[in-house]
């Protein structure tokens, strides 16, 4: 798996994240040419300042980690993040709404978000939290998100009982058109795991173990 660094969103969403750890995240992402960094909303402004003109995407989360905030509250988070220079927004879907089969409402909510995000030329990624969903729910939720204009579907927040699974990435690749990417995240801590996700169809790997993954790739003689 060549150029593994191009798949990695270097992530720190720990509740204990500090000023110094954001600086380290940025430095590591620039050094290793990672595709992006994913930070809590509180740290987006600093991360943007620290990144400067580096070709690294700035990603933050919305409705994190449970997703059951009102749409209006999520919109406030989206607008704040866009003002602070975020390039991509990872929005946790309302799992409660999925469990109630409220797919029409989800589509309406996501279309509203999509319009605002794309007007600012930013990217919209929706977090499904696959650990709580069956295959039918993943299919139906993904379909309405595609109809609403999503750019990526993402497997997990990393805070559910289980993270990314190869079978869920394969399922998403089967459901989604080629124009919609897949971000595998949650529990991906090794080069082998990242490789499996990419082979299954992932276009991005969200992980806090980006350095370890690159080092393991180099140790295997793979161009990172």
C-alpha atoms as a PDB file:
ATOM      1  CA  UNK A   1       0.000   0.000   0.000  1.00  0.00           C
ATOM      2  CA  UNK A   2       1.941   2.975  -1.333  1.00  0.00           C
ATOM      3  CA  UNK A   3       1.694   6.515   0.069  1.00  0.00           C
ATOM      4  CA  UNK A   4      -0.255   5.548   3.183  1.00  0.00           C
ATOM      5  CA  UNK A   5       0.226   9.087   4.529  1.00  0.00           C
ATOM      6  CA  UNK A   6      -2.175  10.412   1.887  1.00  0.00           C
ATOM      7  CA  UNK A   7      -5.047   8.495   3.511  1.00  0.00           C
ATOM      8  CA  UNK A   8      -4.466   9.599   7.087  1.00  0.00           C
ATOM      9  CA  UNK A   9      -6.406  12.214   9.026  1.00  0.00           C
ATOM     10  CA  UNK A  10      -4.198  12.674  12.073  1.00  0.00           C
ATOM     11  CA  UNK A  11      -6.657  12.895  14.957  1.00  0.00           C
ATOM     12  CA  UNK A  12      -6.812  14.024  18.561  1.00  0.00           C
ATOM     13  CA  UNK A  13     -10.344  14.171  19.961  1.00  0.00           C
ATOM     14  CA  UNK A  14      -9.474  13.175  23.508  1.00  0.00           C
ATOM     15  CA  UNK A  15     -11.291  15.051  26.286  1.00  0.00           C
ATOM     16  CA  UNK A  16      -7.867  15.858  27.774  1.00  0.00           C
ATOM     17  CA  UNK A  17      -6.403  17.471  24.640  1.00  0.00           C
ATOM     18  CA  UNK A  18      -4.130  20.425  25.453  1.00  0.00           C
ATOM     19  CA  UNK A  19      -2.567  23.447  23.775  1.00  0.00           C
ATOM     20  CA  UNK A  20       0.708  21.559  23.407  1.00  0.00           C
ATOM     21  CA  UNK A  21      -0.907  18.425  21.984  1.00  0.00           C
ATOM     22  CA  UNK A  22      -2.562  20.465  19.220  1.00  0.00           C
ATOM     23  CA  UNK A  23       0.826  21.944  18.333  1.00  0.00           C
ATOM     24  CA  UNK A  24       2.301  18.442  18.224  1.00  0.00           C
ATOM     25  CA  UNK A  25      -0.569  17.180  16.052  1.00  0.00           C
ATOM     26  CA  UNK A  26      -0.028  19.990  13.546  1.00  0.00           C
ATOM     27  CA  UNK A  27       3.758  19.528  13.503  1.00  0.00           C
ATOM     28  CA  UNK A  28       3.444  15.787  12.932  1.00  0.00           C
ATOM     29  CA  UNK A  29       0.853  16.206  10.178  1.00  0.00           C
ATOM     30  CA  UNK A  30       3.016  18.702   8.299  1.00  0.00           C
ATOM     31  CA  UNK A  31       6.177  16.611   8.750  1.00  0.00           C
ATOM     32  CA  UNK A  32       4.550  13.416   7.481  1.00  0.00           C
ATOM     33  CA  UNK A  33       2.392  15.071   4.782  1.00  0.00           C
ATOM     34  CA  UNK A  34      -0.832  13.703   6.218  1.00  0.00           C
ATOM     35  CA  UNK A  35      -3.978  14.639   4.317  1.00  0.00           C
ATOM     36  CA  UNK A  36      -5.550  16.340   7.344  1.00  0.00           C
ATOM     37  CA  UNK A  37      -5.882  16.805  11.075  1.00  0.00           C
ATOM     38  CA  UNK A  38      -9.082  16.333  13.055  1.00  0.00           C
ATOM     39  CA  UNK A  39      -9.446  18.430  16.220  1.00  0.00           C
ATOM     40  CA  UNK A  40     -12.191  19.356  18.690  1.00  0.00           C
ATOM     41  CA  UNK A  41     -14.157  22.530  17.790  1.00  0.00           C
ATOM     42  CA  UNK A  42     -12.599  24.396  20.708  1.00  0.00           C
ATOM     43  CA  UNK A  43      -9.182  24.037  19.090  1.00  0.00           C
ATOM     44  CA  UNK A  44     -10.107  24.735  15.465  1.00  0.00           C
ATOM     45  CA  UNK A  45      -9.056  28.391  15.511  1.00  0.00           C
ATOM     46  CA  UNK A  46      -5.618  27.624  16.957  1.00  0.00           C
ATOM     47  CA  UNK A  47      -5.121  24.701  14.575  1.00  0.00           C
ATOM     48  CA  UNK A  48      -5.930  26.930  11.597  1.00  0.00           C
ATOM     49  CA  UNK A  49      -3.433  29.514  12.814  1.00  0.00           C
ATOM     50  CA  UNK A  50      -0.739  26.873  13.392  1.00  0.00           C
ATOM     51  CA  UNK A  51      -1.277  25.216  10.005  1.00  0.00           C
ATOM     52  CA  UNK A  52      -0.863  28.479   8.129  1.00  0.00           C
ATOM     53  CA  UNK A  53      -0.533  27.683   4.432  1.00  0.00           C
ATOM     54  CA  UNK A  54       0.451  24.042   4.920  1.00  0.00           C
ATOM     55  CA  UNK A  55      -1.401  21.718   2.484  1.00  0.00           C
ATOM     56  CA  UNK A  56      -3.184  19.901   5.329  1.00  0.00           C
ATOM     57  CA  UNK A  57      -6.972  19.863   5.623  1.00  0.00           C
ATOM     58  CA  UNK A  58      -8.445  21.127   8.899  1.00  0.00           C
ATOM     59  CA  UNK A  59     -11.274  18.889  10.104  1.00  0.00           C
ATOM     60  CA  UNK A  60     -13.531  19.261  13.128  1.00  0.00           C
ATOM     61  CA  UNK A  61     -16.571  17.471  14.495  1.00  0.00           C
ATOM     62  CA  UNK A  62     -20.217  18.502  14.881  1.00  0.00           C
ATOM     63  CA  UNK A  63     -22.754  16.975  17.281  1.00  0.00           C
ATOM     64  CA  UNK A  64     -19.930  14.926  18.735  1.00  0.00           C
ATOM     65  CA  UNK A  65     -19.986  12.215  19.973  1.00  0.00           C
ATOM     66  CA  UNK A  66     -23.668  11.253  20.376  1.00  0.00           C
ATOM     67  CA  UNK A  67     -25.361  13.122  17.533  1.00  0.00           C
ATOM     68  CA  UNK A  68     -28.718  13.738  19.165  1.00  0.00           C
ATOM     69  CA  UNK A  69     -28.491  17.524  19.380  1.00  0.00           C
ATOM     70  CA  UNK A  70     -31.182  19.548  17.660  1.00  0.00           C
ATOM     71  CA  UNK A  71     -30.433  20.452  14.037  1.00  0.00           C
ATOM     72  CA  UNK A  72     -30.355  24.140  14.971  1.00  0.00           C
ATOM     73  CA  UNK A  73     -27.611  23.486  17.520  1.00  0.00           C
ATOM     74  CA  UNK A  74     -25.557  21.525  15.008  1.00  0.00           C
ATOM     75  CA  UNK A  75     -25.971  24.379  12.543  1.00  0.00           C
ATOM     76  CA  UNK A  76     -24.525  26.809  15.075  1.00  0.00           C
ATOM     77  CA  UNK A  77     -21.505  24.516  15.424  1.00  0.00           C
ATOM     78  CA  UNK A  78     -21.156  24.316  11.637  1.00  0.00           C
ATOM     79  CA  UNK A  79     -21.302  28.085  11.174  1.00  0.00           C
ATOM     80  CA  UNK A  80     -18.770  28.656  13.961  1.00  0.00           C
ATOM     81  CA  UNK A  81     -16.364  26.120  12.489  1.00  0.00           C
ATOM     82  CA  UNK A  82     -16.625  27.587   9.001  1.00  0.00           C
ATOM     83  CA  UNK A  83     -15.848  31.067  10.345  1.00  0.00           C
ATOM     84  CA  UNK A  84     -12.714  29.665  11.970  1.00  0.00           C
ATOM     85  CA  UNK A  85     -11.382  28.266   8.714  1.00  0.00           C
ATOM     86  CA  UNK A  86     -12.334  24.597   8.950  1.00  0.00           C
ATOM     87  CA  UNK A  87     -12.171  22.777   5.593  1.00  0.00           C
ATOM     88  CA  UNK A  88     -14.149  19.661   6.503  1.00  0.00           C
ATOM     89  CA  UNK A  89     -16.907  18.925   9.008  1.00  0.00           C
ATOM     90  CA  UNK A  90     -17.561  15.447  10.439  1.00  0.00           C
ATOM     91  CA  UNK A  91     -21.206  15.495  11.568  1.00  0.00           C
ATOM     92  CA  UNK A  92     -22.581  12.776  13.844  1.00  0.00           C
ATOM     93  CA  UNK A  93     -25.912  11.576  12.506  1.00  0.00           C
ATOM     94  CA  UNK A  94     -28.932  11.479  14.816  1.00  0.00           C
ATOM     95  CA  UNK A  95     -28.987   7.780  15.706  1.00  0.00           C
ATOM     96  CA  UNK A  96     -32.257   8.213  17.620  1.00  0.00           C
ATOM     97  CA  UNK A  97     -33.881   9.444  14.415  1.00  0.00           C
ATOM     98  CA  UNK A  98     -32.600   6.409  12.523  1.00  0.00           C
ATOM     99  CA  UNK A  99     -34.048   4.096  15.175  1.00  0.00           C
ATOM    100  CA  UNK A 100     -37.402   5.858  14.678  1.00  0.00           C
ATOM    101  CA  UNK A 101     -37.186   5.438  10.882  1.00  0.00           C
ATOM    102  CA  UNK A 102     -37.253   9.225  10.512  1.00  0.00           C
ATOM    103  CA  UNK A 103     -35.255   9.132   7.284  1.00  0.00           C
ATOM    104  CA  UNK A 104     -37.191  11.952   5.637  1.00  0.00           C
ATOM    105  CA  UNK A 105     -36.320  14.207   8.567  1.00  0.00           C
ATOM    106  CA  UNK A 106     -32.654  13.142   8.412  1.00  0.00           C
ATOM    107  CA  UNK A 107     -32.557  13.955   4.704  1.00  0.00           C
ATOM    108  CA  UNK A 108     -34.049  17.393   5.339  1.00  0.00           C
ATOM    109  CA  UNK A 109     -31.542  18.092   8.131  1.00  0.00           C
ATOM    110  CA  UNK A 110     -28.552  16.946   6.094  1.00  0.00           C
ATOM    111  CA  UNK A 111     -29.658  18.902   3.016  1.00  0.00           C
ATOM    112  CA  UNK A 112     -29.767  22.055   5.161  1.00  0.00           C
ATOM    113  CA  UNK A 113     -26.253  21.400   6.427  1.00  0.00           C
ATOM    114  CA  UNK A 114     -25.007  20.534   2.942  1.00  0.00           C
ATOM    115  CA  UNK A 115     -26.235  23.799   1.460  1.00  0.00           C
ATOM    116  CA  UNK A 116     -24.440  25.912   4.072  1.00  0.00           C
ATOM    117  CA  UNK A 117     -21.210  23.878   4.045  1.00  0.00           C
ATOM    118  CA  UNK A 118     -20.878  23.733   0.283  1.00  0.00           C
ATOM    119  CA  UNK A 119     -21.645  27.444  -0.062  1.00  0.00           C
ATOM    120  CA  UNK A 120     -18.349  27.952   1.822  1.00  0.00           C
ATOM    121  CA  UNK A 121     -16.569  25.393  -0.407  1.00  0.00           C
ATOM    122  CA  UNK A 122     -16.040  23.081   2.559  1.00  0.00           C
ATOM    123  CA  UNK A 123     -16.575  19.328   2.725  1.00  0.00           C
ATOM    124  CA  UNK A 124     -19.328  17.473   4.604  1.00  0.00           C
ATOM    125  CA  UNK A 125     -18.728  14.067   6.169  1.00  0.00           C
ATOM    126  CA  UNK A 126     -21.440  12.208   8.094  1.00  0.00           C
ATOM    127  CA  UNK A 127     -20.551   9.864  10.973  1.00  0.00           C
ATOM    128  CA  UNK A 128     -22.907   6.864  11.099  1.00  0.00           C
ATOM    129  CA  UNK A 129     -21.661   5.180  14.296  1.00  0.00           C
ATOM    130  CA  UNK A 130     -22.040   1.734  12.749  1.00  0.00           C
ATOM    131  CA  UNK A 131     -21.706  -0.090  16.082  1.00  0.00           C
ATOM    132  CA  UNK A 132     -25.296   0.913  16.872  1.00  0.00           C
ATOM    133  CA  UNK A 133     -26.802   0.206  13.446  1.00  0.00           C
ATOM    134  CA  UNK A 134     -27.786  -2.881  11.484  1.00  0.00           C
ATOM    135  CA  UNK A 135     -27.105  -3.239   7.758  1.00  0.00           C
ATOM    136  CA  UNK A 136     -30.581  -2.033   6.768  1.00  0.00           C
ATOM    137  CA  UNK A 137     -30.204   1.115   8.871  1.00  0.00           C
ATOM    138  CA  UNK A 138     -26.748   1.778   7.429  1.00  0.00           C
ATOM    139  CA  UNK A 139     -28.156   1.440   3.916  1.00  0.00           C
ATOM    140  CA  UNK A 140     -31.183   3.687   4.470  1.00  0.00           C
ATOM    141  CA  UNK A 141     -29.247   6.364   6.347  1.00  0.00           C
ATOM    142  CA  UNK A 142     -26.510   6.398   3.721  1.00  0.00           C
ATOM    143  CA  UNK A 143     -29.006   6.732   0.878  1.00  0.00           C
ATOM    144  CA  UNK A 144     -30.699   9.807   2.332  1.00  0.00           C
ATOM    145  CA  UNK A 145     -27.326  11.382   3.118  1.00  0.00           C
ATOM    146  CA  UNK A 146     -26.232  10.861  -0.492  1.00  0.00           C
ATOM    147  CA  UNK A 147     -29.464  12.447  -1.684  1.00  0.00           C
ATOM    148  CA  UNK A 148     -28.774  15.396   0.623  1.00  0.00           C
ATOM    149  CA  UNK A 149     -25.340  15.986  -0.917  1.00  0.00           C
ATOM    150  CA  UNK A 150     -22.866  14.438   1.523  1.00  0.00           C
ATOM    151  CA  UNK A 151     -19.225  14.157   0.382  1.00  0.00           C
ATOM    152  CA  UNK A 152     -18.129  11.332   2.701  1.00  0.00           C
ATOM    153  CA  UNK A 153     -19.693   8.745   4.977  1.00  0.00           C
ATOM    154  CA  UNK A 154     -17.690   7.878   8.088  1.00  0.00           C
ATOM    155  CA  UNK A 155     -17.923   4.728  10.177  1.00  0.00           C
ATOM    156  CA  UNK A 156     -17.506   5.824  13.787  1.00  0.00           C
ATOM    157  CA  UNK A 157     -16.651   8.436  16.380  1.00  0.00           C
ATOM    158  CA  UNK A 158     -14.259   6.165  18.249  1.00  0.00           C
ATOM    159  CA  UNK A 159     -16.412   6.447  21.381  1.00  0.00           C
ATOM    160  CA  UNK A 160     -18.883   3.623  20.677  1.00  0.00           C
ATOM    161  CA  UNK A 161     -18.321   0.029  21.872  1.00  0.00           C
ATOM    162  CA  UNK A 162     -16.803  -0.827  18.467  1.00  0.00           C
ATOM    163  CA  UNK A 163     -15.052   1.207  15.796  1.00  0.00           C
ATOM    164  CA  UNK A 164     -14.461   0.620  12.118  1.00  0.00           C
ATOM    165  CA  UNK A 165     -15.022  -2.862  10.696  1.00  0.00           C
ATOM    166  CA  UNK A 166     -13.962  -4.080   7.284  1.00  0.00           C
ATOM    167  CA  UNK A 167     -17.441  -5.454   6.586  1.00  0.00           C
ATOM    168  CA  UNK A 168     -18.999  -2.045   7.199  1.00  0.00           C
ATOM    169  CA  UNK A 169     -16.545  -0.367   4.843  1.00  0.00           C
ATOM    170  CA  UNK A 170     -17.390  -2.954   2.188  1.00  0.00           C
ATOM    171  CA  UNK A 171     -21.105  -2.398   2.771  1.00  0.00           C
ATOM    172  CA  UNK A 172     -20.710   1.366   2.424  1.00  0.00           C
ATOM    173  CA  UNK A 173     -18.690   0.961  -0.772  1.00  0.00           C
ATOM    174  CA  UNK A 174     -21.486  -1.198  -2.158  1.00  0.00           C
ATOM    175  CA  UNK A 175     -24.114   1.421  -1.248  1.00  0.00           C
ATOM    176  CA  UNK A 176     -22.360   4.658  -2.119  1.00  0.00           C
ATOM    177  CA  UNK A 177     -21.734   6.120  -5.571  1.00  0.00           C
ATOM    178  CA  UNK A 178     -18.121   6.617  -6.611  1.00  0.00           C
ATOM    179  CA  UNK A 179     -18.489  10.350  -5.980  1.00  0.00           C
ATOM    180  CA  UNK A 180     -18.952   9.791  -2.233  1.00  0.00           C
ATOM    181  CA  UNK A 181     -15.917   8.824  -0.185  1.00  0.00           C
ATOM    182  CA  UNK A 182     -15.581   6.605   2.871  1.00  0.00           C
ATOM    183  CA  UNK A 183     -13.705   7.530   6.021  1.00  0.00           C
ATOM    184  CA  UNK A 184     -12.878   4.553   8.229  1.00  0.00           C
ATOM    185  CA  UNK A 185     -12.278   5.559  11.830  1.00  0.00           C
ATOM    186  CA  UNK A 186     -12.414   4.129  15.313  1.00  0.00           C
ATOM    187  CA  UNK A 187      -9.812   1.716  16.649  1.00  0.00           C
ATOM    188  CA  UNK A 188      -7.466   1.758  13.645  1.00  0.00           C
ATOM    189  CA  UNK A 189      -4.044   1.539  15.263  1.00  0.00           C
ATOM    190  CA  UNK A 190      -1.821  -0.458  12.893  1.00  0.00           C
ATOM    191  CA  UNK A 191      -0.644  -0.467   9.300  1.00  0.00           C
ATOM    192  CA  UNK A 192      -2.334  -3.829   8.738  1.00  0.00           C
ATOM    193  CA  UNK A 193      -5.693  -2.476   9.905  1.00  0.00           C
ATOM    194  CA  UNK A 194      -5.362   0.633   7.752  1.00  0.00           C
ATOM    195  CA  UNK A 195      -4.405  -1.492   4.747  1.00  0.00           C
ATOM    196  CA  UNK A 196      -7.448  -3.735   5.230  1.00  0.00           C
ATOM    197  CA  UNK A 197      -9.769  -0.718   5.357  1.00  0.00           C
ATOM    198  CA  UNK A 198      -8.272   0.809   2.210  1.00  0.00           C
ATOM    199  CA  UNK A 199      -8.517  -2.462   0.295  1.00  0.00           C
ATOM    200  CA  UNK A 200     -12.176  -2.711   1.409  1.00  0.00           C
ATOM    201  CA  UNK A 201     -12.872   0.725  -0.071  1.00  0.00           C
ATOM    202  CA  UNK A 202     -11.871   3.419   2.440  1.00  0.00           C
ATOM    203  CA  UNK A 203     -10.585   6.688   1.011  1.00  0.00           C
ATOM    204  CA  UNK A 204      -9.578   8.150   4.382  1.00  0.00           C
ATOM    205  CA  UNK A 205      -8.295   6.717   7.649  1.00  0.00           C
ATOM    206  CA  UNK A 206      -9.166   8.667  10.795  1.00  0.00           C
ATOM    207  CA  UNK A 207      -6.708   7.691  13.502  1.00  0.00           C
ATOM    208  CA  UNK A 208      -4.680   8.931  16.436  1.00  0.00           C
ATOM    209  CA  UNK A 209      -1.999   6.385  15.480  1.00  0.00           C
ATOM    210  CA  UNK A 210      -0.870   7.978  12.239  1.00  0.00           C
ATOM    211  CA  UNK A 211       2.808   8.103  13.200  1.00  0.00           C
ATOM    212  CA  UNK A 212       2.784   4.439  14.254  1.00  0.00           C
ATOM    213  CA  UNK A 213       1.090   3.412  11.008  1.00  0.00           C
ATOM    214  CA  UNK A 214       3.650   5.244   8.885  1.00  0.00           C
ATOM    215  CA  UNK A 215       6.535   3.801  10.885  1.00  0.00           C
ATOM    216  CA  UNK A 216       5.151   0.279  10.476  1.00  0.00           C
ATOM    217  CA  UNK A 217       4.791   0.841   6.716  1.00  0.00           C
ATOM    218  CA  UNK A 218       8.421   1.991   6.486  1.00  0.00           C
ATOM    219  CA  UNK A 219       9.561  -1.011   8.517  1.00  0.00           C
ATOM    220  CA  UNK A 220       7.892  -3.255   5.933  1.00  0.00           C
ATOM    221  CA  UNK A 221       9.680  -1.433   3.134  1.00  0.00           C
ATOM    222  CA  UNK A 222       6.504   0.287   1.945  1.00  0.00           C
ATOM    223  CA  UNK A 223       6.777   3.855   0.690  1.00  0.00           C
ATOM    224  CA  UNK A 224       4.758   5.850   3.226  1.00  0.00           C
END
